[in-house]
N, C-alpha and C. Protein backbone atom coordinates (compact mmCIF):
# COMPACT_ATOMS: atom_id res chain seq x y z
N UNK A 1 181.06 -40.74 -65.70
CA UNK A 1 181.75 -40.72 -66.61
C UNK A 1 181.04 -41.45 -67.90
N UNK A 2 181.17 -41.00 -69.09
CA UNK A 2 180.60 -41.71 -70.18
C UNK A 2 181.65 -42.65 -70.83
N UNK A 3 180.87 -43.31 -72.22
CA UNK A 3 181.72 -44.21 -72.66
C UNK A 3 182.41 -43.86 -73.89
N UNK A 4 183.65 -44.26 -74.31
CA UNK A 4 184.17 -43.92 -75.45
C UNK A 4 183.50 -44.81 -76.86
N UNK A 5 183.82 -44.19 -77.93
CA UNK A 5 183.18 -44.83 -78.97
C UNK A 5 183.64 -46.37 -79.10
N UNK A 6 184.52 -46.63 -78.65
CA UNK A 6 185.52 -47.94 -78.57
C UNK A 6 184.70 -48.78 -77.56
N UNK A 7 184.07 -48.21 -76.65
CA UNK A 7 183.48 -49.21 -75.55
C UNK A 7 181.92 -49.50 -75.97
N UNK A 8 181.31 -48.25 -76.58
CA UNK A 8 179.91 -48.72 -77.04
C UNK A 8 180.24 -49.65 -78.16
N UNK A 9 181.03 -49.67 -79.09
CA UNK A 9 180.91 -50.79 -80.22
C UNK A 9 181.35 -52.05 -79.58
N UNK A 10 182.22 -52.09 -78.28
CA UNK A 10 182.24 -53.28 -77.51
C UNK A 10 181.05 -53.95 -77.08
N UNK A 11 180.35 -53.00 -76.27
CA UNK A 11 178.86 -53.31 -75.74
C UNK A 11 177.87 -53.77 -76.88
N UNK A 12 177.94 -53.33 -78.14
CA UNK A 12 177.31 -53.78 -79.12
C UNK A 12 177.55 -55.21 -79.24
N UNK A 13 178.84 -55.52 -79.60
CA UNK A 13 179.16 -56.63 -80.06
C UNK A 13 179.13 -57.81 -79.07
N UNK A 14 179.26 -57.10 -77.77
CA UNK A 14 178.97 -58.16 -76.51
C UNK A 14 177.76 -58.50 -76.39
N UNK A 15 176.71 -58.02 -77.12
CA UNK A 15 175.48 -58.50 -77.29
C UNK A 15 174.97 -59.78 -78.25
N UNK A 16 176.08 -59.73 -79.34
CA UNK A 16 176.10 -60.88 -80.23
C UNK A 16 177.15 -61.87 -79.94
N UNK A 17 178.12 -61.56 -79.70
CA UNK A 17 179.16 -61.94 -79.32
C UNK A 17 179.97 -61.87 -78.37
N UNK A 18 179.50 -62.51 -77.27
CA UNK A 18 180.26 -61.95 -75.53
C UNK A 18 181.70 -62.23 -75.85
N UNK A 19 181.83 -63.34 -76.07
CA UNK A 19 183.65 -63.77 -76.02
C UNK A 19 184.46 -62.83 -76.48
N UNK A 20 184.06 -62.31 -77.89
CA UNK A 20 184.92 -61.51 -78.67
C UNK A 20 185.28 -60.02 -77.94
N UNK A 21 183.98 -59.60 -77.31
CA UNK A 21 184.38 -58.19 -76.76
C UNK A 21 185.08 -58.29 -75.73
N UNK A 22 185.03 -59.45 -74.71
CA UNK A 22 185.80 -59.51 -73.51
C UNK A 22 187.35 -60.02 -74.05
N UNK A 23 187.52 -60.58 -75.28
CA UNK A 23 188.99 -60.80 -75.87
C UNK A 23 189.41 -59.61 -76.29
N UNK A 24 188.70 -58.78 -76.78
CA UNK A 24 189.24 -57.51 -77.18
C UNK A 24 189.87 -56.55 -76.14
N UNK A 25 188.92 -56.79 -75.03
CA UNK A 25 189.29 -55.77 -73.99
C UNK A 25 190.14 -56.18 -72.98
N UNK A 26 190.25 -57.55 -72.74
CA UNK A 26 191.23 -58.14 -71.90
C UNK A 26 192.24 -59.25 -72.35
N UNK A 27 191.96 -59.80 -73.60
CA UNK A 27 192.80 -60.75 -73.85
C UNK A 27 192.55 -61.94 -73.69
N UNK A 28 193.43 -63.15 -73.56
CA UNK A 28 193.34 -64.31 -73.23
C UNK A 28 193.48 -64.50 -71.76
N UNK A 29 193.26 -63.39 -70.96
CA UNK A 29 193.12 -63.61 -69.73
C UNK A 29 192.08 -64.80 -69.14
N UNK A 30 191.85 -64.74 -67.55
CA UNK A 30 190.90 -65.74 -67.05
C UNK A 30 189.50 -64.83 -67.34
N UNK A 31 189.42 -63.72 -67.54
CA UNK A 31 187.72 -63.41 -67.93
C UNK A 31 187.30 -63.68 -69.46
N UNK A 32 188.18 -63.97 -70.01
CA UNK A 32 187.85 -64.31 -71.51
C UNK A 32 187.39 -65.77 -71.22
N UNK A 33 188.18 -66.70 -70.30
CA UNK A 33 187.84 -68.03 -70.38
C UNK A 33 186.49 -68.09 -69.64
N UNK A 34 186.27 -67.31 -68.52
CA UNK A 34 185.15 -67.31 -67.44
C UNK A 34 183.84 -66.77 -68.46
N UNK A 35 184.08 -66.00 -69.34
CA UNK A 35 183.11 -65.60 -70.44
C UNK A 35 182.64 -66.57 -71.31
N UNK A 36 183.56 -67.34 -71.79
CA UNK A 36 183.40 -68.59 -72.69
C UNK A 36 182.22 -69.46 -72.12
N UNK A 37 182.81 -69.74 -70.74
CA UNK A 37 181.92 -70.71 -70.23
C UNK A 37 180.83 -70.41 -69.62
N UNK A 38 180.56 -69.06 -69.34
CA UNK A 38 179.19 -68.51 -69.09
C UNK A 38 178.31 -68.33 -70.33
N UNK A 39 178.74 -68.11 -71.43
CA UNK A 39 178.11 -68.18 -72.74
C UNK A 39 177.72 -69.55 -73.09
N UNK A 40 178.45 -70.55 -72.94
CA UNK A 40 178.06 -72.15 -73.46
C UNK A 40 177.05 -72.40 -72.24
N UNK A 41 177.10 -71.80 -71.05
CA UNK A 41 175.68 -72.29 -70.19
C UNK A 41 174.57 -71.64 -70.52
N UNK A 42 174.72 -70.09 -71.05
CA UNK A 42 173.61 -69.71 -71.71
C UNK A 42 173.97 -68.19 -72.17
N UNK A 43 173.10 -67.77 -73.16
CA UNK A 43 173.65 -66.29 -73.64
C UNK A 43 173.20 -65.31 -72.70
N UNK A 44 172.38 -65.36 -71.99
CA UNK A 44 172.28 -64.10 -71.18
C UNK A 44 173.16 -64.19 -69.97
N UNK A 45 173.82 -65.16 -69.35
CA UNK A 45 175.08 -65.06 -68.41
C UNK A 45 176.29 -64.43 -69.05
N UNK A 46 176.54 -64.99 -70.38
CA UNK A 46 177.72 -64.50 -71.05
C UNK A 46 177.66 -62.90 -71.54
N UNK A 47 176.49 -62.59 -71.92
CA UNK A 47 176.29 -61.15 -72.35
C UNK A 47 176.36 -60.28 -71.10
N UNK A 48 175.72 -60.48 -69.95
CA UNK A 48 175.71 -59.85 -68.94
C UNK A 48 177.40 -59.55 -68.17
N UNK A 49 177.99 -60.74 -68.37
CA UNK A 49 179.56 -60.85 -67.77
C UNK A 49 180.42 -59.79 -68.97
N UNK A 50 179.90 -59.77 -70.12
CA UNK A 50 180.71 -59.13 -71.33
C UNK A 50 180.55 -57.51 -70.91
N UNK A 51 179.48 -57.17 -70.86
CA UNK A 51 179.03 -56.02 -70.16
C UNK A 51 179.59 -55.30 -69.05
N UNK A 52 179.81 -56.17 -68.27
CA UNK A 52 180.41 -56.00 -66.94
C UNK A 52 182.08 -55.74 -67.40
N UNK A 53 182.73 -56.39 -68.04
CA UNK A 53 184.01 -56.25 -68.19
C UNK A 53 184.14 -54.91 -68.96
N UNK A 54 183.50 -54.84 -69.93
CA UNK A 54 183.70 -53.45 -70.61
C UNK A 54 183.22 -52.38 -69.95
N UNK A 55 182.27 -52.51 -69.32
CA UNK A 55 182.15 -51.18 -67.93
C UNK A 55 183.54 -51.34 -66.87
N UNK A 56 183.79 -52.39 -66.51
CA UNK A 56 184.92 -52.24 -65.55
C UNK A 56 186.14 -51.71 -65.83
N UNK A 57 186.50 -51.84 -67.34
CA UNK A 57 187.79 -51.39 -67.83
C UNK A 57 187.53 -50.32 -68.73
N UNK A 58 186.72 -49.43 -68.75
CA UNK A 58 186.57 -48.50 -69.48
C UNK A 58 187.76 -47.80 -69.91
N UNK A 59 187.62 -46.84 -71.38
CA UNK A 59 188.71 -46.10 -71.55
C UNK A 59 188.23 -44.61 -71.51
N UNK A 60 189.00 -43.97 -70.44
CA UNK A 60 188.77 -42.87 -69.93
C UNK A 60 189.59 -41.75 -70.62
N UNK A 61 190.65 -42.16 -71.24
CA UNK A 61 191.55 -41.12 -71.57
C UNK A 61 191.30 -40.45 -73.05
N UNK A 62 190.31 -41.19 -73.82
CA UNK A 62 189.87 -40.67 -75.13
C UNK A 62 189.09 -39.65 -74.96
N UNK A 63 188.45 -39.37 -74.18
CA UNK A 63 187.20 -38.37 -74.24
C UNK A 63 187.88 -36.93 -73.66
N UNK A 64 189.14 -37.01 -73.52
CA UNK A 64 189.82 -35.54 -73.09
C UNK A 64 190.71 -35.13 -74.10
N UNK A 65 190.67 -33.62 -74.34
CA UNK A 65 191.59 -32.94 -75.28
C UNK A 65 192.61 -32.44 -74.41
N UNK A 66 194.09 -32.18 -74.97
CA UNK A 66 195.01 -31.60 -74.44
C UNK A 66 194.61 -30.22 -74.38
N UNK A 67 195.34 -29.50 -73.03
CA UNK A 67 195.24 -27.93 -73.11
C UNK A 67 196.19 -27.18 -74.10
N UNK A 68 195.78 -26.09 -74.57
CA UNK A 68 196.91 -25.41 -75.21
C UNK A 68 197.93 -24.78 -74.74
């Protein structure tokens, strides 16, 4: 399965500001706070976690069209 355009944008944002992409995808859940901690420990763990969250919670429904 591919990624929606929203997920691609979140992957790009996740490279520069990892907690923002996790916040957009999951809100203020534990995933956000875990990502903030990982980003404070180092940029690479935060980026990898943000990409994992975007991949795990992909938007599948936006790629399909309704049948006539």
